[in-house]
Full PDB file with SEQRES, HELIX, SHEET, SSBOND, CRYST1, ORIGX, SCALE, CONECT and MASTER records, all heavy atoms in Angstrom:
SEQRES   1 A   41  ASP LYS ALA GLN LEU ASP ALA GLU ARG VAL LYS SER ASP          
SEQRES   2 A   41  ALA LYS LYS SER ALA GLU LEU GLU THR GLU LYS ALA ARG          
SEQRES   3 A   41  LEU ALA VAL ASN GLU GLU ILE ALA GLN ILE ALA MET GLU          
SEQRES   4 A   41  THR ALA                                                      
HELIX    1 AA1 LYS A    2  THR A   40  1                                  39    
CRYST1    1.000    1.000    1.000  90.00  90.00  90.00 P 1           1          
ORIGX1      1.000000  0.000000  0.000000        0.00000                         
ORIGX2      0.000000  1.000000  0.000000        0.00000                         
ORIGX3      0.000000  0.000000  1.000000        0.00000                         
SCALE1      1.000000  0.000000  0.000000        0.00000                         
SCALE2      0.000000  1.000000  0.000000        0.00000                         
SCALE3      0.000000  0.000000  1.000000        0.00000                         
ATOM      1  N   ASP A   1       3.084 -43.122  33.513  1.00  0.00           N  
ATOM      2  CA  ASP A   1       3.242 -42.311  34.676  1.00  0.00           C  
ATOM      3  C   ASP A   1       4.401 -41.254  34.447  1.00  0.00           C  
ATOM      4  O   ASP A   1       4.245 -40.070  34.758  1.00  0.00           O  
ATOM      5  CB  ASP A   1       3.577 -43.096  35.919  1.00  0.00           C  
ATOM      6  CG  ASP A   1       2.386 -43.905  36.414  1.00  0.00           C  
ATOM      7  OD1 ASP A   1       1.263 -43.580  35.997  1.00  0.00           O  
ATOM      8  OD2 ASP A   1       2.614 -44.863  37.176  1.00  0.00           O  
ATOM      9  N   LYS A   2       5.475 -41.716  33.839  1.00  0.00           N  
ATOM     10  CA  LYS A   2       6.542 -40.794  33.620  1.00  0.00           C  
ATOM     11  C   LYS A   2       6.151 -39.678  32.597  1.00  0.00           C  
ATOM     12  O   LYS A   2       6.484 -38.540  32.749  1.00  0.00           O  
ATOM     13  CB  LYS A   2       7.740 -41.529  33.042  1.00  0.00           C  
ATOM     14  CG  LYS A   2       9.003 -40.678  32.841  1.00  0.00           C  
ATOM     15  CD  LYS A   2      10.193 -41.543  32.386  1.00  0.00           C  
ATOM     16  CE  LYS A   2      11.477 -40.779  32.317  1.00  0.00           C  
ATOM     17  NZ  LYS A   2      11.540 -39.769  31.282  1.00  0.00           N  
ATOM     18  N   ALA A   3       5.384 -40.094  31.552  1.00  0.00           N  
ATOM     19  CA  ALA A   3       4.949 -39.158  30.550  1.00  0.00           C  
ATOM     20  C   ALA A   3       3.937 -38.145  31.253  1.00  0.00           C  
ATOM     21  O   ALA A   3       4.040 -36.946  30.891  1.00  0.00           O  
ATOM     22  CB  ALA A   3       4.237 -39.880  29.406  1.00  0.00           C  
ATOM     23  N   GLN A   4       3.084 -38.589  32.148  1.00  0.00           N  
ATOM     24  CA  GLN A   4       2.241 -37.685  32.840  1.00  0.00           C  
ATOM     25  C   GLN A   4       2.963 -36.684  33.680  1.00  0.00           C  
ATOM     26  O   GLN A   4       2.711 -35.499  33.726  1.00  0.00           O  
ATOM     27  CB  GLN A   4       1.184 -38.498  33.621  1.00  0.00           C  
ATOM     28  CG  GLN A   4       0.149 -39.121  32.783  1.00  0.00           C  
ATOM     29  CD  GLN A   4      -0.874 -39.985  33.634  1.00  0.00           C  
ATOM     30  OE1 GLN A   4      -0.532 -40.275  34.752  1.00  0.00           O  
ATOM     31  NE2 GLN A   4      -1.966 -40.354  33.077  1.00  0.00           N  
ATOM     32  N   LEU A   5       3.980 -37.272  34.388  1.00  0.00           N  
ATOM     33  CA  LEU A   5       4.791 -36.366  35.263  1.00  0.00           C  
ATOM     34  C   LEU A   5       5.600 -35.320  34.296  1.00  0.00           C  
ATOM     35  O   LEU A   5       5.663 -34.110  34.712  1.00  0.00           O  
ATOM     36  CB  LEU A   5       5.826 -37.174  36.067  1.00  0.00           C  
ATOM     37  CG  LEU A   5       5.264 -38.042  37.182  1.00  0.00           C  
ATOM     38  CD1 LEU A   5       6.356 -38.872  37.803  1.00  0.00           C  
ATOM     39  CD2 LEU A   5       4.621 -37.062  38.236  1.00  0.00           C  
ATOM     40  N   ASP A   6       6.102 -35.811  33.201  1.00  0.00           N  
ATOM     41  CA  ASP A   6       6.764 -34.903  32.300  1.00  0.00           C  
ATOM     42  C   ASP A   6       5.804 -33.828  31.793  1.00  0.00           C  
ATOM     43  O   ASP A   6       6.188 -32.581  31.695  1.00  0.00           O  
ATOM     44  CB  ASP A   6       7.395 -35.639  31.145  1.00  0.00           C  
ATOM     45  CG  ASP A   6       8.663 -36.450  31.657  1.00  0.00           C  
ATOM     46  OD1 ASP A   6       9.100 -36.269  32.732  1.00  0.00           O  
ATOM     47  OD2 ASP A   6       9.086 -37.346  30.850  1.00  0.00           O  
ATOM     48  N   ALA A   7       4.641 -34.273  31.439  1.00  0.00           N  
ATOM     49  CA  ALA A   7       3.589 -33.308  30.928  1.00  0.00           C  
ATOM     50  C   ALA A   7       3.221 -32.262  32.019  1.00  0.00           C  
ATOM     51  O   ALA A   7       3.178 -31.096  31.704  1.00  0.00           O  
ATOM     52  CB  ALA A   7       2.400 -34.050  30.426  1.00  0.00           C  
ATOM     53  N   GLU A   8       3.056 -32.758  33.227  1.00  0.00           N  
ATOM     54  CA  GLU A   8       2.726 -31.852  34.285  1.00  0.00           C  
ATOM     55  C   GLU A   8       3.874 -30.899  34.543  1.00  0.00           C  
ATOM     56  O   GLU A   8       3.695 -29.713  34.803  1.00  0.00           O  
ATOM     57  CB  GLU A   8       2.412 -32.609  35.537  1.00  0.00           C  
ATOM     58  CG  GLU A   8       1.064 -33.309  35.495  1.00  0.00           C  
ATOM     59  CD  GLU A   8       0.847 -34.191  36.741  1.00  0.00           C  
ATOM     60  OE1 GLU A   8       1.510 -34.003  37.784  1.00  0.00           O  
ATOM     61  OE2 GLU A   8      -0.093 -34.945  36.642  1.00  0.00           O  
ATOM     62  N   ARG A   9       5.138 -31.393  34.457  1.00  0.00           N  
ATOM     63  CA  ARG A   9       6.253 -30.536  34.688  1.00  0.00           C  
ATOM     64  C   ARG A   9       6.399 -29.504  33.589  1.00  0.00           C  
ATOM     65  O   ARG A   9       6.658 -28.311  33.818  1.00  0.00           O  
ATOM     66  CB  ARG A   9       7.560 -31.333  34.762  1.00  0.00           C  
ATOM     67  CG  ARG A   9       8.794 -30.551  35.017  1.00  0.00           C  
ATOM     68  CD  ARG A   9      10.076 -31.411  35.038  1.00  0.00           C  
ATOM     69  NE  ARG A   9      10.225 -32.310  33.999  1.00  0.00           N  
ATOM     70  CZ  ARG A   9      10.543 -32.064  32.741  1.00  0.00           C  
ATOM     71  NH1 ARG A   9      10.998 -30.877  32.435  1.00  0.00           N  
ATOM     72  NH2 ARG A   9      10.786 -33.026  31.855  1.00  0.00           N  
ATOM     73  N   VAL A  10       6.114 -29.855  32.316  1.00  0.00           N  
ATOM     74  CA  VAL A  10       6.170 -28.950  31.184  1.00  0.00           C  
ATOM     75  C   VAL A  10       5.070 -27.922  31.382  1.00  0.00           C  
ATOM     76  O   VAL A  10       5.288 -26.717  31.138  1.00  0.00           O  
ATOM     77  CB  VAL A  10       6.029 -29.741  29.853  1.00  0.00           C  
ATOM     78  CG1 VAL A  10       5.749 -28.785  28.701  1.00  0.00           C  
ATOM     79  CG2 VAL A  10       7.309 -30.528  29.543  1.00  0.00           C  
ATOM     80  N   LYS A  11       3.851 -28.387  31.824  1.00  0.00           N  
ATOM     81  CA  LYS A  11       2.777 -27.342  32.025  1.00  0.00           C  
ATOM     82  C   LYS A  11       3.223 -26.403  33.127  1.00  0.00           C  
ATOM     83  O   LYS A  11       2.935 -25.233  33.015  1.00  0.00           O  
ATOM     84  CB  LYS A  11       1.499 -28.170  32.334  1.00  0.00           C  
ATOM     85  CG  LYS A  11       0.811 -28.779  31.158  1.00  0.00           C  
ATOM     86  CD  LYS A  11      -0.387 -29.636  31.505  1.00  0.00           C  
ATOM     87  CE  LYS A  11      -1.374 -29.030  32.392  1.00  0.00           C  
ATOM     88  NZ  LYS A  11      -2.514 -29.940  32.681  1.00  0.00           N  
ATOM     89  N   SER A  12       3.726 -26.952  34.183  1.00  0.00           N  
ATOM     90  CA  SER A  12       4.126 -26.121  35.280  1.00  0.00           C  
ATOM     91  C   SER A  12       5.177 -25.076  34.885  1.00  0.00           C  
ATOM     92  O   SER A  12       5.126 -23.965  35.229  1.00  0.00           O  
ATOM     93  CB  SER A  12       4.613 -26.959  36.480  1.00  0.00           C  
ATOM     94  OG  SER A  12       5.158 -26.199  37.484  1.00  0.00           O  
ATOM     95  N   ASP A  13       6.197 -25.619  34.178  1.00  0.00           N  
ATOM     96  CA  ASP A  13       7.249 -24.745  33.671  1.00  0.00           C  
ATOM     97  C   ASP A  13       6.672 -23.682  32.688  1.00  0.00           C  
ATOM     98  O   ASP A  13       7.046 -22.511  32.817  1.00  0.00           O  
ATOM     99  CB  ASP A  13       8.381 -25.556  32.892  1.00  0.00           C  
ATOM    100  CG  ASP A  13       9.128 -26.371  33.876  1.00  0.00           C  
ATOM    101  OD1 ASP A  13       9.063 -26.224  35.105  1.00  0.00           O  
ATOM    102  OD2 ASP A  13       9.942 -27.278  33.376  1.00  0.00           O  
ATOM    103  N   ALA A  14       5.772 -24.081  31.872  1.00  0.00           N  
ATOM    104  CA  ALA A  14       5.139 -23.129  30.957  1.00  0.00           C  
ATOM    105  C   ALA A  14       4.311 -22.023  31.765  1.00  0.00           C  
ATOM    106  O   ALA A  14       4.358 -20.845  31.388  1.00  0.00           O  
ATOM    107  CB  ALA A  14       4.234 -23.795  29.930  1.00  0.00           C  
ATOM    108  N   LYS A  15       3.628 -22.559  32.767  1.00  0.00           N  
ATOM    109  CA  LYS A  15       2.840 -21.559  33.533  1.00  0.00           C  
ATOM    110  C   LYS A  15       3.744 -20.597  34.264  1.00  0.00           C  
ATOM    111  O   LYS A  15       3.496 -19.383  34.292  1.00  0.00           O  
ATOM    112  CB  LYS A  15       1.975 -22.344  34.549  1.00  0.00           C  
ATOM    113  CG  LYS A  15       1.035 -21.488  35.363  1.00  0.00           C  
ATOM    114  CD  LYS A  15       0.174 -22.300  36.267  1.00  0.00           C  
ATOM    115  CE  LYS A  15      -0.798 -21.485  37.025  1.00  0.00           C  
ATOM    116  NZ  LYS A  15      -1.653 -22.251  37.972  1.00  0.00           N  
ATOM    117  N   LYS A  16       4.890 -21.088  34.870  1.00  0.00           N  
ATOM    118  CA  LYS A  16       5.794 -20.244  35.572  1.00  0.00           C  
ATOM    119  C   LYS A  16       6.427 -19.275  34.569  1.00  0.00           C  
ATOM    120  O   LYS A  16       6.622 -18.094  34.872  1.00  0.00           O  
ATOM    121  CB  LYS A  16       6.880 -21.095  36.227  1.00  0.00           C  
ATOM    122  CG  LYS A  16       6.463 -21.779  37.462  1.00  0.00           C  
ATOM    123  CD  LYS A  16       7.562 -22.599  38.053  1.00  0.00           C  
ATOM    124  CE  LYS A  16       7.121 -23.418  39.251  1.00  0.00           C  
ATOM    125  NZ  LYS A  16       8.153 -24.291  39.738  1.00  0.00           N  
ATOM    126  N   SER A  17       6.741 -19.789  33.405  1.00  0.00           N  
ATOM    127  CA  SER A  17       7.356 -18.962  32.380  1.00  0.00           C  
ATOM    128  C   SER A  17       6.384 -17.833  31.925  1.00  0.00           C  
ATOM    129  O   SER A  17       6.792 -16.669  31.812  1.00  0.00           O  
ATOM    130  CB  SER A  17       7.805 -19.744  31.179  1.00  0.00           C  
ATOM    131  OG  SER A  17       8.298 -19.020  30.143  1.00  0.00           O  
ATOM    132  N   ALA A  18       5.103 -18.189  31.769  1.00  0.00           N  
ATOM    133  CA  ALA A  18       4.092 -17.224  31.419  1.00  0.00           C  
ATOM    134  C   ALA A  18       3.936 -16.173  32.467  1.00  0.00           C  
ATOM    135  O   ALA A  18       3.810 -14.961  32.191  1.00  0.00           O  
ATOM    136  CB  ALA A  18       2.789 -17.893  31.088  1.00  0.00           C  
ATOM    137  N   GLU A  19       3.869 -16.649  33.789  1.00  0.00           N  
ATOM    138  CA  GLU A  19       3.823 -15.691  34.825  1.00  0.00           C  
ATOM    139  C   GLU A  19       4.989 -14.752  34.902  1.00  0.00           C  
ATOM    140  O   GLU A  19       4.819 -13.592  35.173  1.00  0.00           O  
ATOM    141  CB  GLU A  19       3.674 -16.481  36.157  1.00  0.00           C  
ATOM    142  CG  GLU A  19       2.260 -17.142  36.359  1.00  0.00           C  
ATOM    143  CD  GLU A  19       2.244 -18.043  37.569  1.00  0.00           C  
ATOM    144  OE1 GLU A  19       3.260 -18.133  38.295  1.00  0.00           O  
ATOM    145  OE2 GLU A  19       1.182 -18.645  37.850  1.00  0.00           O  
ATOM    146  N   LEU A  20       6.096 -15.331  34.671  1.00  0.00           N  
ATOM    147  CA  LEU A  20       7.386 -14.543  34.705  1.00  0.00           C  
ATOM    148  C   LEU A  20       7.340 -13.490  33.585  1.00  0.00           C  
ATOM    149  O   LEU A  20       7.667 -12.360  33.807  1.00  0.00           O  
ATOM    150  CB  LEU A  20       8.606 -15.411  34.574  1.00  0.00           C  
ATOM    151  CG  LEU A  20       9.907 -14.704  34.763  1.00  0.00           C  
ATOM    152  CD1 LEU A  20      10.045 -14.165  36.168  1.00  0.00           C  
ATOM    153  CD2 LEU A  20      11.073 -15.726  34.459  1.00  0.00           C  
ATOM    154  N   GLU A  21       6.939 -13.945  32.413  1.00  0.00           N  
ATOM    155  CA  GLU A  21       6.856 -12.984  31.236  1.00  0.00           C  
ATOM    156  C   GLU A  21       5.776 -11.896  31.486  1.00  0.00           C  
ATOM    157  O   GLU A  21       5.974 -10.750  31.202  1.00  0.00           O  
ATOM    158  CB  GLU A  21       6.512 -13.790  29.994  1.00  0.00           C  
ATOM    159  CG  GLU A  21       7.596 -14.646  29.449  1.00  0.00           C  
ATOM    160  CD  GLU A  21       8.799 -13.797  28.979  1.00  0.00           C  
ATOM    161  OE1 GLU A  21       8.643 -12.740  28.429  1.00  0.00           O  
ATOM    162  OE2 GLU A  21       9.949 -14.223  29.294  1.00  0.00           O  
ATOM    163  N   THR A  22       4.660 -12.338  32.149  1.00  0.00           N  
ATOM    164  CA  THR A  22       3.591 -11.367  32.443  1.00  0.00           C  
ATOM    165  C   THR A  22       4.208 -10.309  33.447  1.00  0.00           C  
ATOM    166  O   THR A  22       3.947  -9.143  33.354  1.00  0.00           O  
ATOM    167  CB  THR A  22       2.408 -12.090  33.105  1.00  0.00           C  
ATOM    168  OG1 THR A  22       1.936 -13.030  32.194  1.00  0.00           O  
ATOM    169  CG2 THR A  22       1.255 -11.127  33.378  1.00  0.00           C  
ATOM    170  N   GLU A  23       4.880 -10.825  34.437  1.00  0.00           N  
ATOM    171  CA  GLU A  23       5.492  -9.902  35.425  1.00  0.00           C  
ATOM    172  C   GLU A  23       6.493  -9.015  34.793  1.00  0.00           C  
ATOM    173  O   GLU A  23       6.500  -7.763  35.095  1.00  0.00           O  
ATOM    174  CB  GLU A  23       6.127 -10.723  36.564  1.00  0.00           C  
ATOM    175  CG  GLU A  23       6.651  -9.904  37.728  1.00  0.00           C  
ATOM    176  CD  GLU A  23       5.591  -9.106  38.461  1.00  0.00           C  
ATOM    177  OE1 GLU A  23       4.434  -9.535  38.449  1.00  0.00           O  
ATOM    178  OE2 GLU A  23       5.956  -8.109  39.029  1.00  0.00           O  
ATOM    179  N   LYS A  24       7.310  -9.521  33.912  1.00  0.00           N  
ATOM    180  CA  LYS A  24       8.323  -8.689  33.185  1.00  0.00           C  
ATOM    181  C   LYS A  24       7.565  -7.583  32.372  1.00  0.00           C  
ATOM    182  O   LYS A  24       7.942  -6.432  32.344  1.00  0.00           O  
ATOM    183  CB  LYS A  24       9.142  -9.446  32.302  1.00  0.00           C  
ATOM    184  CG  LYS A  24      10.268 -10.258  32.932  1.00  0.00           C  
ATOM    185  CD  LYS A  24      11.084 -10.944  31.934  1.00  0.00           C  
ATOM    186  CE  LYS A  24      12.202 -11.825  32.636  1.00  0.00           C  
ATOM    187  NZ  LYS A  24      12.948 -12.563  31.572  1.00  0.00           N  
ATOM    188  N   ALA A  25       6.519  -8.003  31.682  1.00  0.00           N  
ATOM    189  CA  ALA A  25       5.731  -7.074  30.812  1.00  0.00           C  
ATOM    190  C   ALA A  25       5.068  -6.027  31.728  1.00  0.00           C  
ATOM    191  O   ALA A  25       5.068  -4.837  31.417  1.00  0.00           O  
ATOM    192  CB  ALA A  25       4.686  -7.848  29.992  1.00  0.00           C  
ATOM    193  N   ARG A  26       4.524  -6.461  32.858  1.00  0.00           N  
ATOM    194  CA  ARG A  26       3.881  -5.484  33.738  1.00  0.00           C  
ATOM    195  C   ARG A  26       4.911  -4.512  34.260  1.00  0.00           C  
ATOM    196  O   ARG A  26       4.628  -3.248  34.318  1.00  0.00           O  
ATOM    197  CB  ARG A  26       3.197  -6.212  34.955  1.00  0.00           C  
ATOM    198  CG  ARG A  26       2.344  -5.356  35.849  1.00  0.00           C  
ATOM    199  CD  ARG A  26       1.705  -6.152  36.924  1.00  0.00           C  
ATOM    200  NE  ARG A  26       2.604  -6.718  37.872  1.00  0.00           N  
ATOM    201  CZ  ARG A  26       3.179  -6.008  38.837  1.00  0.00           C  
ATOM    202  NH1 ARG A  26       2.958  -4.743  39.012  1.00  0.00           N  
ATOM    203  NH2 ARG A  26       4.010  -6.593  39.702  1.00  0.00           N  
ATOM    204  N   LEU A  27       6.085  -4.998  34.669  1.00  0.00           N  
ATOM    205  CA  LEU A  27       7.157  -4.074  35.121  1.00  0.00           C  
ATOM    206  C   LEU A  27       7.596  -3.106  34.032  1.00  0.00           C  
ATOM    207  O   LEU A  27       7.786  -1.925  34.270  1.00  0.00           O  
ATOM    208  CB  LEU A  27       8.321  -4.862  35.684  1.00  0.00           C  
ATOM    209  CG  LEU A  27       8.113  -5.573  37.007  1.00  0.00           C  
ATOM    210  CD1 LEU A  27       9.382  -6.403  37.408  1.00  0.00           C  
ATOM    211  CD2 LEU A  27       7.854  -4.536  38.122  1.00  0.00           C  
ATOM    212  N   ALA A  28       7.715  -3.655  32.811  1.00  0.00           N  
ATOM    213  CA  ALA A  28       8.150  -2.775  31.695  1.00  0.00           C  
ATOM    214  C   ALA A  28       7.100  -1.730  31.432  1.00  0.00           C  
ATOM    215  O   ALA A  28       7.355  -0.574  31.198  1.00  0.00           O  
ATOM    216  CB  ALA A  28       8.333  -3.631  30.473  1.00  0.00           C  
ATOM    217  N   VAL A  29       5.790  -2.128  31.507  1.00  0.00           N  
ATOM    218  CA  VAL A  29       4.688  -1.136  31.259  1.00  0.00           C  
ATOM    219  C   VAL A  29       4.727  -0.073  32.415  1.00  0.00           C  
ATOM    220  O   VAL A  29       4.561   1.094  32.123  1.00  0.00           O  
ATOM    221  CB  VAL A  29       3.327  -1.845  31.229  1.00  0.00           C  
ATOM    222  CG1 VAL A  29       2.170  -0.916  31.335  1.00  0.00           C  
ATOM    223  CG2 VAL A  29       3.240  -2.661  29.944  1.00  0.00           C  
ATOM    224  N   ASN A  30       4.915  -0.592  33.639  1.00  0.00           N  
ATOM    225  CA  ASN A  30       4.975   0.361  34.783  1.00  0.00           C  
ATOM    226  C   ASN A  30       6.083   1.360  34.580  1.00  0.00           C  
ATOM    227  O   ASN A  30       5.967   2.565  34.893  1.00  0.00           O  
ATOM    228  CB  ASN A  30       5.115  -0.343  36.111  1.00  0.00           C  
ATOM    229  CG  ASN A  30       3.841  -1.023  36.562  1.00  0.00           C  
ATOM    230  OD1 ASN A  30       2.789  -0.630  36.145  1.00  0.00           O  
ATOM    231  ND2 ASN A  30       3.974  -1.946  37.540  1.00  0.00           N  
ATOM    232  N   GLU A  31       7.299   0.886  34.188  1.00  0.00           N  
ATOM    233  CA  GLU A  31       8.398   1.767  33.949  1.00  0.00           C  
ATOM    234  C   GLU A  31       8.148   2.734  32.877  1.00  0.00           C  
ATOM    235  O   GLU A  31       8.487   3.943  32.963  1.00  0.00           O  
ATOM    236  CB  GLU A  31       9.645   0.957  33.616  1.00  0.00           C  
ATOM    237  CG  GLU A  31      10.343   0.244  34.816  1.00  0.00           C  
ATOM    238  CD  GLU A  31      11.545  -0.482  34.399  1.00  0.00           C  
ATOM    239  OE1 GLU A  31      12.216  -0.118  33.390  1.00  0.00           O  
ATOM    240  OE2 GLU A  31      11.955  -1.383  35.137  1.00  0.00           O  
ATOM    241  N   GLU A  32       7.470   2.293  31.790  1.00  0.00           N  
ATOM    242  CA  GLU A  32       7.222   3.177  30.673  1.00  0.00           C  
ATOM    243  C   GLU A  32       6.136   4.230  31.117  1.00  0.00           C  
ATOM    244  O   GLU A  32       6.264   5.428  30.809  1.00  0.00           O  
ATOM    245  CB  GLU A  32       6.664   2.398  29.464  1.00  0.00           C  
ATOM    246  CG  GLU A  32       6.660   3.168  28.234  1.00  0.00           C  
ATOM    247  CD  GLU A  32       6.354   2.326  26.976  1.00  0.00           C  
ATOM    248  OE1 GLU A  32       6.902   1.198  26.887  1.00  0.00           O  
ATOM    249  OE2 GLU A  32       5.568   2.725  26.199  1.00  0.00           O  
ATOM    250  N   ILE A  33       5.149   3.749  31.855  1.00  0.00           N  
ATOM    251  CA  ILE A  33       4.112   4.672  32.320  1.00  0.00           C  
ATOM    252  C   ILE A  33       4.775   5.729  33.240  1.00  0.00           C  
ATOM    253  O   ILE A  33       4.494   6.905  33.200  1.00  0.00           O  
ATOM    254  CB  ILE A  33       3.004   3.983  33.008  1.00  0.00           C  
ATOM    255  CG1 ILE A  33       2.160   3.156  32.002  1.00  0.00           C  
ATOM    256  CG2 ILE A  33       2.089   4.904  33.801  1.00  0.00           C  
ATOM    257  CD1 ILE A  33       1.106   2.232  32.564  1.00  0.00           C  
ATOM    258  N   ALA A  34       5.663   5.258  34.117  1.00  0.00           N  
ATOM    259  CA  ALA A  34       6.378   6.200  35.080  1.00  0.00           C  
ATOM    260  C   ALA A  34       7.178   7.153  34.301  1.00  0.00           C  
ATOM    261  O   ALA A  34       7.249   8.362  34.648  1.00  0.00           O  
ATOM    262  CB  ALA A  34       7.225   5.389  36.021  1.00  0.00           C  
ATOM    263  N   GLN A  35       7.845   6.654  33.212  1.00  0.00           N  
ATOM    264  CA  GLN A  35       8.658   7.554  32.367  1.00  0.00           C  
ATOM    265  C   GLN A  35       7.783   8.635  31.828  1.00  0.00           C  
ATOM    266  O   GLN A  35       8.134   9.837  31.719  1.00  0.00           O  
ATOM    267  CB  GLN A  35       9.426   6.745  31.277  1.00  0.00           C  
ATOM    268  CG  GLN A  35      10.321   7.529  30.467  1.00  0.00           C  
ATOM    269  CD  GLN A  35      11.553   8.052  31.266  1.00  0.00           C  
ATOM    270  OE1 GLN A  35      11.937   7.448  32.247  1.00  0.00           O  
ATOM    271  NE2 GLN A  35      12.121   9.129  30.903  1.00  0.00           N  
ATOM    272  N   ILE A  36       6.616   8.178  31.235  1.00  0.00           N  
ATOM    273  CA  ILE A  36       5.727   9.090  30.585  1.00  0.00           C  
ATOM    274  C   ILE A  36       5.155  10.087  31.635  1.00  0.00           C  
ATOM    275  O   ILE A  36       5.076  11.343  31.373  1.00  0.00           O  
ATOM    276  CB  ILE A  36       4.553   8.403  29.887  1.00  0.00           C  
ATOM    277  CG1 ILE A  36       5.093   7.567  28.704  1.00  0.00           C  
ATOM    278  CG2 ILE A  36       3.456   9.318  29.408  1.00  0.00           C  
ATOM    279  CD1 ILE A  36       4.129   6.668  28.034  1.00  0.00           C  
ATOM    280  N   ALA A  37       4.819   9.549  32.823  1.00  0.00           N  
ATOM    281  CA  ALA A  37       4.303  10.421  33.846  1.00  0.00           C  
ATOM    282  C   ALA A  37       5.370  11.505  34.279  1.00  0.00           C  
ATOM    283  O   ALA A  37       5.093  12.639  34.468  1.00  0.00           O  
ATOM    284  CB  ALA A  37       3.856   9.640  35.067  1.00  0.00           C  
ATOM    285  N   MET A  38       6.648  10.994  34.276  1.00  0.00           N  
ATOM    286  CA  MET A  38       7.656  11.963  34.712  1.00  0.00           C  
ATOM    287  C   MET A  38       7.865  13.052  33.603  1.00  0.00           C  
ATOM    288  O   MET A  38       8.057  14.236  33.929  1.00  0.00           O  
ATOM    289  CB  MET A  38       9.005  11.194  34.948  1.00  0.00           C  
ATOM    290  CG  MET A  38       8.923  10.518  36.244  1.00  0.00           C  
ATOM    291  SD  MET A  38      10.422   9.529  36.651  1.00  0.00           S  
ATOM    292  CE  MET A  38      11.698  10.743  36.500  1.00  0.00           C  
ATOM    293  N   GLU A  39       7.818  12.657  32.390  1.00  0.00           N  
ATOM    294  CA  GLU A  39       7.916  13.576  31.311  1.00  0.00           C  
ATOM    295  C   GLU A  39       6.772  14.535  31.364  1.00  0.00           C  
ATOM    296  O   GLU A  39       6.979  15.783  31.162  1.00  0.00           O  
ATOM    297  CB  GLU A  39       8.006  12.893  29.972  1.00  0.00           C  
ATOM    298  CG  GLU A  39       9.303  12.155  29.706  1.00  0.00           C  
ATOM    299  CD  GLU A  39       9.284  11.324  28.454  1.00  0.00           C  
ATOM    300  OE1 GLU A  39       8.332  11.397  27.669  1.00  0.00           O  
ATOM    301  OE2 GLU A  39      10.296  10.584  28.249  1.00  0.00           O  
ATOM    302  N   THR A  40       5.613  14.031  31.624  1.00  0.00           N  
ATOM    303  CA  THR A  40       4.417  14.906  31.646  1.00  0.00           C  
ATOM    304  C   THR A  40       4.483  15.874  32.831  1.00  0.00           C  
ATOM    305  O   THR A  40       4.212  16.991  32.725  1.00  0.00           O  
ATOM    306  CB  THR A  40       3.154  14.040  31.755  1.00  0.00           C  
ATOM    307  OG1 THR A  40       3.082  13.138  30.694  1.00  0.00           O  
ATOM    308  CG2 THR A  40       1.906  14.902  31.733  1.00  0.00           C  
ATOM    309  N   ALA A  41       4.923  15.280  33.938  1.00  0.00           N  
ATOM    310  CA  ALA A  41       5.052  16.134  35.169  1.00  0.00           C  
ATOM    311  C   ALA A  41       6.102  17.141  34.956  1.00  0.00           C  
ATOM    312  O   ALA A  41       6.005  18.303  35.413  1.00  0.00           O  
ATOM    313  CB  ALA A  41       5.397  15.256  36.353  1.00  0.00           C  
TER     314      ALA A  41                                                      
MASTER        0    0    0    1    0    0    0    6  313    1    0    4          
END                                                                             
């Protein structure tokens, strides 16, 4: 039971970490696109 809880916690942490990284990447892409759009404008 403890091992299953630990595995679920690790999976949850990994999922949160992946979501956080995805959000960071999305924000970075948005900033870069905005920068390019501003330069183009």
